[in-house]
């Protein structure tokens, strides 16, 4: 690392100073590392340049915990993403894998939200929880904030169609819920989707949340072409 230099009222390393000059105004994820090279914080931004530089400007408005984070940071990395939604998913994955100490401290040690998929159910759902149990379900997170979790859930529901109701599936209904008519649910409760097709959707949700978006996209493109070849243009769309 280079020697420390001063900018306004902050002290930070030469390595960070150089990287601040080249931060793009694009969405992505940023990581702070301490002097030992350990990741101590992961964040996401719609503009990396604006967000990361805000840590090293004036102290006004920064909490004591953020100031301690800045003081502990010895290096900076960033990763570009295509959209802010992709940054949300990548941020959650990195927090889950590395468990940075300041992600927990900046949330006042509150429990982090997770997305839970009850894969052992016949008709799995994607729900929000703050408790990670040893119950055979898959958990994605922890998300650094409830807002980022909700944005990820909205994006996932927009891309995929899965059950939004909770509890055992009611198969005695004669009419589907409103969510089916507005395109948010495949309506297994009225037999509008087979269990096999529904499980395929859930498998793709899992890949998507794991960050394996290329695999999901490739599979969807294959299905789209097959549907178009069979003149099933509604499914292709």
Protein backbone atom coordinates (compact mmCIF):
# COMPACT_ATOMS: atom_id res chain seq x y z
CA UNK A 1 0.00 0.00 0.00
CA UNK A 2 1.11 3.56 -0.52
CA UNK A 3 1.41 6.13 2.23
CA UNK A 4 -1.64 7.80 3.63
CA UNK A 5 -2.81 11.08 2.17
CA UNK A 6 -5.46 13.61 3.13
CA UNK A 7 -8.66 14.67 1.38
CA UNK A 8 -10.86 17.18 3.19
CA UNK A 9 -11.25 15.71 6.68
CA UNK A 10 -10.54 12.03 5.87
CA UNK A 11 -7.36 9.97 5.89
CA UNK A 12 -7.05 7.11 3.43
CA UNK A 13 -4.46 5.11 1.50
CA UNK A 14 -2.80 6.02 -1.76
CA UNK A 15 -4.33 2.88 -3.28
CA UNK A 16 -7.84 4.09 -2.47
CA UNK A 17 -7.04 7.62 -3.66
CA UNK A 18 -5.96 6.34 -7.10
CA UNK A 19 -9.03 4.14 -7.48
CA UNK A 20 -11.40 6.95 -6.50
CA UNK A 21 -10.18 8.87 -9.55
CA UNK A 22 -11.22 6.10 -11.94
CA UNK A 23 -14.56 5.02 -10.48
CA UNK A 24 -17.20 4.87 -13.24
CA UNK A 25 -20.67 6.41 -13.01
CA UNK A 26 -22.24 2.98 -13.51
CA UNK A 27 -24.02 0.40 -11.35
CA UNK A 28 -21.97 -2.16 -9.51
CA UNK A 29 -20.66 -3.52 -6.23
CA UNK A 30 -17.78 -2.16 -4.17
CA UNK A 31 -15.68 -3.87 -1.49
CA UNK A 32 -13.52 -2.35 1.23
CA UNK A 33 -10.57 -4.38 2.52
CA UNK A 34 -8.54 -3.81 5.69
CA UNK A 35 -4.73 -3.74 5.93
CA UNK A 36 -4.65 -7.55 6.17
CA UNK A 37 -6.58 -7.88 2.90
CA UNK A 38 -9.81 -9.07 4.52
CA UNK A 39 -13.12 -7.87 3.08
CA UNK A 40 -14.72 -5.70 5.76
CA UNK A 41 -17.66 -4.23 3.83
CA UNK A 42 -19.63 -4.90 0.65
CA UNK A 43 -22.03 -2.37 -0.84
CA UNK A 44 -23.92 -1.75 -4.07
CA UNK A 45 -24.63 1.44 -5.97
CA UNK A 46 -26.45 2.73 -9.02
CA UNK A 47 -23.43 5.00 -9.52
CA UNK A 48 -20.19 3.65 -8.08
CA UNK A 49 -18.48 7.00 -8.51
CA UNK A 50 -21.03 8.95 -6.47
CA UNK A 51 -21.58 6.32 -3.78
CA UNK A 52 -17.98 5.39 -3.01
CA UNK A 53 -16.73 8.97 -3.10
CA UNK A 54 -19.39 9.92 -0.54
CA UNK A 55 -17.43 7.97 2.08
CA UNK A 56 -14.36 10.12 1.59
CA UNK A 57 -15.82 13.58 1.38
CA UNK A 58 -17.09 15.60 4.29
CA UNK A 59 -17.76 13.85 7.60
CA UNK A 60 -21.05 15.72 7.88
CA UNK A 61 -23.95 13.28 7.95
CA UNK A 62 -21.78 10.17 8.34
CA UNK A 63 -22.47 7.99 11.37
CA UNK A 64 -19.77 6.97 13.83
CA UNK A 65 -19.86 3.43 12.46
CA UNK A 66 -19.36 4.60 8.88
CA UNK A 67 -16.42 6.74 10.00
CA UNK A 68 -14.88 3.70 11.68
CA UNK A 69 -15.34 1.73 8.46
CA UNK A 70 -13.55 4.43 6.46
CA UNK A 71 -10.73 4.51 9.00
CA UNK A 72 -10.31 0.72 8.79
CA UNK A 73 -10.42 0.59 4.98
CA UNK A 74 -6.99 0.12 3.38
CA UNK A 75 -8.02 -0.84 -0.13
CA UNK A 76 -10.98 -0.69 -2.49
CA UNK A 77 -12.29 -2.98 -5.24
CA UNK A 78 -15.33 -2.63 -7.46
CA UNK A 79 -17.24 -4.82 -9.90
CA UNK A 80 -19.43 -3.45 -12.68
CA UNK A 81 -22.88 -4.89 -13.34
CA UNK A 82 -25.30 -4.32 -16.16
CA UNK A 83 -28.07 -2.99 -13.93
CA UNK A 84 -28.70 -1.96 -10.33
CA UNK A 85 -30.82 -5.09 -9.89
CA UNK A 86 -27.84 -7.26 -10.84
CA UNK A 87 -25.75 -5.31 -8.33
CA UNK A 88 -28.31 -6.15 -5.63
CA UNK A 89 -28.00 -9.87 -6.31
CA UNK A 90 -24.20 -9.78 -6.47
CA UNK A 91 -24.04 -7.76 -3.24
CA UNK A 92 -26.19 -10.32 -1.42
CA UNK A 93 -24.08 -13.20 -2.70
CA UNK A 94 -20.81 -11.56 -1.62
CA UNK A 95 -22.18 -10.71 1.83
CA UNK A 96 -23.35 -14.30 2.26
CA UNK A 97 -19.97 -15.71 1.24
CA UNK A 98 -17.65 -13.32 3.08
CA UNK A 99 -19.71 -12.15 6.08
CA UNK A 100 -17.96 -8.76 6.27
CA UNK A 101 -17.83 -7.41 9.79
CA UNK A 102 -19.03 -3.91 8.95
CA UNK A 103 -22.10 -5.11 7.05
CA UNK A 104 -23.33 -6.44 10.40
CA UNK A 105 -22.18 -3.44 12.42
CA UNK A 106 -23.87 -0.93 10.14
CA UNK A 107 -27.19 -2.72 10.68
CA UNK A 108 -26.91 -2.42 14.48
CA UNK A 109 -26.54 -6.19 14.70
CA UNK A 110 -30.15 -6.73 13.61
CA UNK A 111 -30.88 -10.00 11.89
CA UNK A 112 -30.48 -9.85 8.12
CA UNK A 113 -33.32 -10.78 5.75
CA UNK A 114 -33.06 -13.87 3.56
CA UNK A 115 -35.05 -15.23 0.65
CA UNK A 116 -36.18 -18.76 1.44
CA UNK A 117 -37.21 -21.46 -1.04
CA UNK A 118 -38.87 -24.50 0.54
CA UNK A 119 -37.46 -26.91 -2.05
CA UNK A 120 -38.79 -29.99 -0.24
CA UNK A 121 -42.37 -28.82 -0.82
CA UNK A 122 -44.32 -30.20 -3.77
CA UNK A 123 -45.03 -26.63 -4.85
CA UNK A 124 -42.17 -24.50 -3.47
CA UNK A 125 -42.58 -20.83 -2.66
CA UNK A 126 -40.12 -17.95 -2.38
CA UNK A 127 -40.61 -16.13 0.92
CA UNK A 128 -38.85 -13.63 3.16
CA UNK A 129 -37.44 -14.61 6.54
CA UNK A 130 -34.97 -13.33 9.12
CA UNK A 131 -34.30 -16.76 10.59
CA UNK A 132 -32.08 -19.27 8.84
CA UNK A 133 -33.11 -22.72 10.03
CA UNK A 134 -31.78 -26.20 9.37
CA UNK A 135 -35.01 -27.28 7.69
CA UNK A 136 -33.87 -28.43 4.27
CA UNK A 137 -34.85 -25.17 2.57
CA UNK A 138 -32.51 -23.03 0.49
CA UNK A 139 -31.66 -19.58 1.86
CA UNK A 140 -30.28 -16.70 -0.19
CA UNK A 141 -28.65 -13.78 1.54
CA UNK A 142 -28.19 -12.31 4.00
CA UNK A 143 -29.21 -9.10 2.26
CA UNK A 144 -27.60 -5.96 3.59
CA UNK A 145 -31.00 -4.25 3.85
CA UNK A 146 -34.68 -5.05 3.63
CA UNK A 147 -34.91 -2.66 0.68
CA UNK A 148 -32.32 -4.55 -1.37
CA UNK A 149 -34.06 -7.82 -0.51
CA UNK A 150 -37.45 -6.49 -1.64
CA UNK A 151 -35.97 -5.19 -4.89
CA UNK A 152 -34.43 -8.58 -5.58
CA UNK A 153 -37.72 -10.32 -4.84
CA UNK A 154 -39.64 -7.96 -7.14
CA UNK A 155 -37.13 -8.56 -9.92
CA UNK A 156 -37.32 -12.33 -9.46
CA UNK A 157 -41.13 -12.27 -9.57
CA UNK A 158 -41.03 -10.14 -12.70
CA UNK A 159 -38.71 -12.53 -14.53
CA UNK A 160 -40.27 -15.78 -13.28
CA UNK A 161 -43.81 -16.83 -12.43
CA UNK A 162 -44.13 -18.79 -9.19
CA UNK A 163 -46.55 -19.10 -6.29
CA UNK A 164 -46.92 -15.95 -4.23
CA UNK A 165 -49.36 -17.48 -1.75
CA UNK A 166 -47.95 -19.27 1.30
CA UNK A 167 -48.87 -22.47 3.09
CA UNK A 168 -50.23 -25.69 1.58
CA UNK A 169 -51.52 -25.39 -1.95
CA UNK A 170 -55.31 -25.11 -2.17
CA UNK A 171 -56.25 -27.39 -5.09
CA UNK A 172 -60.01 -27.09 -4.61
CA UNK A 173 -60.39 -23.68 -6.20
CA UNK A 174 -62.48 -23.21 -9.30
CA UNK A 175 -60.99 -19.82 -10.15
CA UNK A 176 -57.41 -18.56 -9.96
CA UNK A 177 -56.36 -15.68 -7.72
CA UNK A 178 -55.87 -12.19 -9.13
CA UNK A 179 -52.09 -12.68 -9.25
CA UNK A 180 -52.57 -15.20 -12.04
CA UNK A 181 -54.56 -12.75 -14.15
CA UNK A 182 -51.91 -10.04 -13.82
CA UNK A 183 -49.12 -12.44 -14.78
CA UNK A 184 -47.49 -13.00 -11.38
CA UNK A 185 -48.56 -16.58 -10.65
CA UNK A 186 -48.89 -19.69 -12.85
CA UNK A 187 -51.97 -20.77 -10.82
CA UNK A 188 -51.14 -24.35 -9.80
CA UNK A 189 -54.22 -24.14 -7.56
CA UNK A 190 -56.45 -24.56 -10.63
CA UNK A 191 -54.14 -26.90 -12.52
CA UNK A 192 -52.88 -24.24 -14.94
CA UNK A 193 -49.29 -25.53 -14.69
CA UNK A 194 -47.88 -29.02 -14.28
CA UNK A 195 -45.72 -29.90 -11.30
CA UNK A 196 -42.82 -30.66 -13.65
CA UNK A 197 -42.97 -27.27 -15.36
CA UNK A 198 -43.35 -25.51 -12.03
CA UNK A 199 -40.29 -27.28 -10.64
CA UNK A 200 -38.33 -26.18 -13.72
CA UNK A 201 -39.26 -22.58 -12.93
CA UNK A 202 -38.12 -22.94 -9.32
CA UNK A 203 -34.83 -24.50 -10.47
CA UNK A 204 -34.26 -21.44 -12.63
CA UNK A 205 -35.07 -19.10 -9.75
CA UNK A 206 -32.42 -20.92 -7.72
CA UNK A 207 -29.82 -20.56 -10.50
CA UNK A 208 -30.75 -16.90 -10.90
CA UNK A 209 -30.31 -16.17 -7.19
CA UNK A 210 -27.00 -18.02 -7.21
CA UNK A 211 -25.80 -15.59 -9.87
CA UNK A 212 -25.79 -18.15 -12.68
CA UNK A 213 -27.84 -15.91 -14.94
CA UNK A 214 -26.19 -17.02 -18.19
CA UNK A 215 -27.48 -20.57 -17.73
CA UNK A 216 -31.00 -19.30 -17.11
CA UNK A 217 -30.93 -17.01 -20.13
CA UNK A 218 -29.63 -19.76 -22.43
CA UNK A 219 -32.40 -22.13 -21.31
CA UNK A 220 -35.07 -19.48 -21.85
CA UNK A 221 -33.78 -18.71 -25.34
CA UNK A 222 -33.97 -22.41 -26.28
CA UNK A 223 -37.58 -22.59 -25.01
CA UNK A 224 -38.50 -19.39 -26.82
CA UNK A 225 -37.23 -20.74 -30.14
CA UNK A 226 -39.01 -24.07 -29.64
CA UNK A 227 -42.28 -22.33 -28.84
CA UNK A 228 -41.98 -20.05 -31.86
CA UNK A 229 -41.25 -23.05 -34.10
CA UNK A 230 -44.45 -24.66 -32.79
CA UNK A 231 -46.36 -21.42 -33.51
CA UNK A 232 -46.99 -20.96 -29.77
CA UNK A 233 -46.25 -17.26 -29.95
CA UNK A 234 -47.83 -16.40 -26.61
CA UNK A 235 -45.45 -18.77 -24.79
CA UNK A 236 -42.52 -17.53 -26.89
CA UNK A 237 -43.26 -13.95 -25.87
